N, C-alpha and C. Protein backbone atom coordinates (compact mmCIF):
# COMPACT_ATOMS: atom_id res chain seq x y z
N MET A 1 -20.80 -0.23 -7.72
CA MET A 1 -20.17 -1.54 -7.67
C MET A 1 -18.64 -1.40 -7.71
N LYS A 2 -18.14 -0.54 -8.59
CA LYS A 2 -16.70 -0.36 -8.72
C LYS A 2 -16.12 0.21 -7.43
N LYS A 3 -16.83 1.16 -6.79
CA LYS A 3 -16.36 1.75 -5.54
C LYS A 3 -16.28 0.69 -4.44
N GLN A 4 -17.25 -0.22 -4.41
CA GLN A 4 -17.25 -1.27 -3.41
C GLN A 4 -16.02 -2.17 -3.58
N ILE A 5 -15.70 -2.50 -4.80
CA ILE A 5 -14.53 -3.33 -5.07
C ILE A 5 -13.26 -2.61 -4.62
N LYS A 6 -13.17 -1.33 -4.94
CA LYS A 6 -11.99 -0.56 -4.55
C LYS A 6 -11.89 -0.45 -3.03
N ASP A 7 -13.05 -0.25 -2.35
CA ASP A 7 -13.05 -0.18 -0.89
C ASP A 7 -12.55 -1.48 -0.28
N GLU A 8 -12.97 -2.61 -0.84
CA GLU A 8 -12.52 -3.90 -0.35
C GLU A 8 -11.02 -4.08 -0.59
N GLU A 9 -10.54 -3.59 -1.74
CA GLU A 9 -9.11 -3.68 -2.05
C GLU A 9 -8.30 -2.85 -1.06
N ILE A 10 -8.78 -1.66 -0.73
CA ILE A 10 -8.09 -0.79 0.22
C ILE A 10 -8.06 -1.43 1.60
N GLU A 11 -9.17 -2.03 2.01
CA GLU A 11 -9.22 -2.70 3.31
C GLU A 11 -8.21 -3.85 3.38
N LYS A 12 -8.11 -4.59 2.28
CA LYS A 12 -7.15 -5.71 2.22
C LYS A 12 -5.73 -5.19 2.35
N ILE A 13 -5.43 -4.10 1.66
CA ILE A 13 -4.10 -3.50 1.73
C ILE A 13 -3.82 -2.99 3.14
N LYS A 14 -4.81 -2.34 3.73
CA LYS A 14 -4.66 -1.79 5.09
C LYS A 14 -4.29 -2.89 6.08
N LYS A 15 -4.90 -4.06 5.95
CA LYS A 15 -4.61 -5.16 6.87
C LYS A 15 -3.21 -5.72 6.68
N GLN A 16 -2.66 -5.60 5.48
CA GLN A 16 -1.34 -6.17 5.19
C GLN A 16 -0.20 -5.21 5.52
N LEU A 17 -0.49 -3.94 5.68
CA LEU A 17 0.56 -2.97 5.98
C LEU A 17 1.03 -3.11 7.42
N PRO A 18 2.30 -2.87 7.68
CA PRO A 18 2.77 -2.90 9.07
C PRO A 18 2.11 -1.77 9.87
N SER A 19 1.92 -2.00 11.15
CA SER A 19 1.20 -1.02 11.97
C SER A 19 2.05 0.21 12.29
N ALA A 20 3.35 0.08 12.28
CA ALA A 20 4.21 1.20 12.64
C ALA A 20 5.04 1.65 11.44
N GLY A 21 4.92 2.91 11.09
CA GLY A 21 5.79 3.50 10.09
C GLY A 21 5.39 3.34 8.64
N ALA A 22 4.32 2.62 8.35
CA ALA A 22 3.95 2.37 6.96
C ALA A 22 3.62 3.66 6.21
N TYR A 23 2.91 4.56 6.86
CA TYR A 23 2.49 5.80 6.19
C TYR A 23 3.70 6.68 5.88
N LYS A 24 4.65 6.69 6.79
CA LYS A 24 5.87 7.48 6.57
C LYS A 24 6.71 6.87 5.44
N ILE A 25 6.77 5.56 5.38
CA ILE A 25 7.52 4.89 4.31
C ILE A 25 6.89 5.17 2.96
N ILE A 26 5.56 5.06 2.88
CA ILE A 26 4.85 5.32 1.62
C ILE A 26 5.06 6.77 1.21
N SER A 27 5.01 7.69 2.16
CA SER A 27 5.26 9.10 1.87
C SER A 27 6.66 9.28 1.29
N GLY A 28 7.63 8.59 1.87
CA GLY A 28 9.00 8.65 1.36
C GLY A 28 9.15 8.04 -0.02
N MET A 29 8.40 6.97 -0.28
CA MET A 29 8.44 6.33 -1.60
C MET A 29 7.89 7.28 -2.67
N LEU A 30 7.04 8.19 -2.25
CA LEU A 30 6.46 9.18 -3.17
C LEU A 30 7.24 10.50 -3.15
N ASN A 31 8.44 10.47 -2.57
CA ASN A 31 9.31 11.64 -2.47
C ASN A 31 8.61 12.81 -1.79
N GLY A 32 7.79 12.52 -0.79
CA GLY A 32 7.14 13.56 -0.02
C GLY A 32 5.98 14.25 -0.73
N ALA A 33 5.48 13.67 -1.81
CA ALA A 33 4.34 14.27 -2.53
C ALA A 33 3.12 14.34 -1.61
N TYR A 34 2.98 13.37 -0.72
CA TYR A 34 1.92 13.36 0.27
C TYR A 34 2.55 13.18 1.64
N LYS A 35 2.07 13.92 2.62
CA LYS A 35 2.55 13.79 4.00
C LYS A 35 2.03 12.47 4.58
N PRO A 36 2.72 11.93 5.59
CA PRO A 36 2.28 10.66 6.18
C PRO A 36 0.83 10.68 6.68
N ASN A 37 0.39 11.80 7.27
CA ASN A 37 -1.00 11.87 7.74
C ASN A 37 -2.00 11.85 6.59
N THR A 38 -1.61 12.40 5.44
CA THR A 38 -2.48 12.36 4.26
C THR A 38 -2.58 10.93 3.75
N VAL A 39 -1.46 10.22 3.72
CA VAL A 39 -1.45 8.82 3.29
C VAL A 39 -2.33 8.01 4.24
N LYS A 40 -2.20 8.27 5.53
CA LYS A 40 -3.02 7.57 6.53
C LYS A 40 -4.50 7.81 6.28
N ALA A 41 -4.87 9.05 6.00
CA ALA A 41 -6.27 9.37 5.74
C ALA A 41 -6.78 8.66 4.49
N MET A 42 -5.94 8.54 3.48
CA MET A 42 -6.34 7.84 2.26
C MET A 42 -6.56 6.35 2.53
N ILE A 43 -5.65 5.75 3.28
CA ILE A 43 -5.76 4.32 3.55
C ILE A 43 -6.93 4.03 4.49
N ASN A 44 -7.24 4.97 5.37
CA ASN A 44 -8.38 4.82 6.26
C ASN A 44 -9.69 5.26 5.60
N GLN A 45 -9.63 5.59 4.31
CA GLN A 45 -10.77 5.99 3.49
C GLN A 45 -11.46 7.24 4.00
N GLU A 46 -10.67 8.13 4.61
CA GLU A 46 -11.18 9.43 5.03
C GLU A 46 -10.96 10.48 3.94
N ARG A 47 -10.10 10.17 2.99
CA ARG A 47 -9.84 11.01 1.82
C ARG A 47 -9.87 10.13 0.59
N THR A 48 -10.03 10.78 -0.56
CA THR A 48 -10.02 10.04 -1.82
C THR A 48 -8.64 9.46 -2.05
N MET A 49 -8.62 8.18 -2.40
CA MET A 49 -7.35 7.47 -2.61
C MET A 49 -6.70 7.90 -3.90
N SER A 50 -5.46 8.29 -3.81
CA SER A 50 -4.66 8.63 -4.98
C SER A 50 -4.14 7.33 -5.59
N PRO A 51 -4.20 7.19 -6.91
CA PRO A 51 -3.65 5.98 -7.54
C PRO A 51 -2.17 5.77 -7.21
N ALA A 52 -1.42 6.85 -7.07
CA ALA A 52 0.01 6.73 -6.75
C ALA A 52 0.20 6.14 -5.35
N VAL A 53 -0.61 6.58 -4.40
CA VAL A 53 -0.52 6.05 -3.04
C VAL A 53 -0.90 4.58 -3.02
N LEU A 54 -1.94 4.23 -3.74
CA LEU A 54 -2.38 2.84 -3.81
C LEU A 54 -1.28 1.95 -4.41
N LEU A 55 -0.66 2.42 -5.46
CA LEU A 55 0.42 1.67 -6.10
C LEU A 55 1.61 1.48 -5.15
N GLU A 56 2.00 2.54 -4.47
CA GLU A 56 3.15 2.44 -3.55
C GLU A 56 2.83 1.57 -2.35
N ALA A 57 1.58 1.60 -1.89
CA ALA A 57 1.19 0.71 -0.78
C ALA A 57 1.31 -0.74 -1.21
N LYS A 58 0.88 -1.04 -2.44
CA LYS A 58 1.02 -2.40 -2.96
C LYS A 58 2.48 -2.78 -3.10
N ARG A 59 3.32 -1.84 -3.55
CA ARG A 59 4.76 -2.13 -3.68
C ARG A 59 5.38 -2.41 -2.32
N LEU A 60 4.99 -1.63 -1.30
CA LEU A 60 5.52 -1.83 0.04
C LEU A 60 5.14 -3.22 0.56
N ILE A 61 3.90 -3.62 0.35
CA ILE A 61 3.47 -4.95 0.78
C ILE A 61 4.27 -6.02 0.06
N GLU A 62 4.52 -5.81 -1.23
CA GLU A 62 5.31 -6.77 -2.02
C GLU A 62 6.74 -6.86 -1.50
N ILE A 63 7.30 -5.74 -1.08
CA ILE A 63 8.66 -5.73 -0.53
C ILE A 63 8.71 -6.47 0.81
N ILE A 64 7.71 -6.23 1.63
CA ILE A 64 7.67 -6.85 2.96
C ILE A 64 7.36 -8.34 2.86
N ASN A 65 6.40 -8.68 2.00
CA ASN A 65 5.96 -10.07 1.85
C ASN A 65 6.17 -10.51 0.41
N PRO A 66 7.41 -10.77 0.00
CA PRO A 66 7.62 -11.18 -1.39
C PRO A 66 6.93 -12.50 -1.68
N THR A 67 6.47 -12.63 -2.91
CA THR A 67 5.82 -13.88 -3.31
C THR A 67 6.86 -14.96 -3.50
N ASN A 68 6.43 -16.17 -3.56
CA ASN A 68 7.34 -17.30 -3.69
C ASN A 68 7.86 -17.48 -5.11
N THR A 69 7.42 -16.66 -6.06
CA THR A 69 7.87 -16.84 -7.44
C THR A 69 9.36 -16.63 -7.57
N ASP A 70 9.92 -15.68 -6.85
CA ASP A 70 11.36 -15.44 -6.90
C ASP A 70 12.12 -16.66 -6.36
N GLN A 71 11.64 -17.23 -5.30
CA GLN A 71 12.29 -18.38 -4.69
C GLN A 71 12.19 -19.59 -5.62
N ASN A 72 11.05 -19.77 -6.27
CA ASN A 72 10.87 -20.89 -7.18
C ASN A 72 11.79 -20.77 -8.39
N GLU A 73 12.00 -19.57 -8.89
CA GLU A 73 12.87 -19.37 -10.04
C GLU A 73 14.32 -19.70 -9.70
N SER A 74 14.75 -19.39 -8.48
CA SER A 74 16.14 -19.64 -8.11
C SER A 74 16.39 -21.13 -7.87
N ASN A 75 15.36 -21.90 -7.59
CA ASN A 75 15.49 -23.33 -7.35
C ASN A 75 15.60 -24.13 -8.64
N GLU A 76 15.21 -23.55 -9.75
CA GLU A 76 15.21 -24.30 -11.01
C GLU A 76 16.56 -24.31 -11.70
């Protein structure tokens, strides 16, 4: 059950990542700890997902698509 939830989470992240350059950016965010092709394999569920890669993928999505909370705070 837990694996299924994680697989669904990875699929959701995969859909939100930009199609060009995302794996290279995530690799750079990890200071080259994983090569871009390794990151790609993790996101495509061909390799076991590293928690660090998952976290950086979420951070990248947050940077690209910031939530409206920052905008709401500045309006108050």
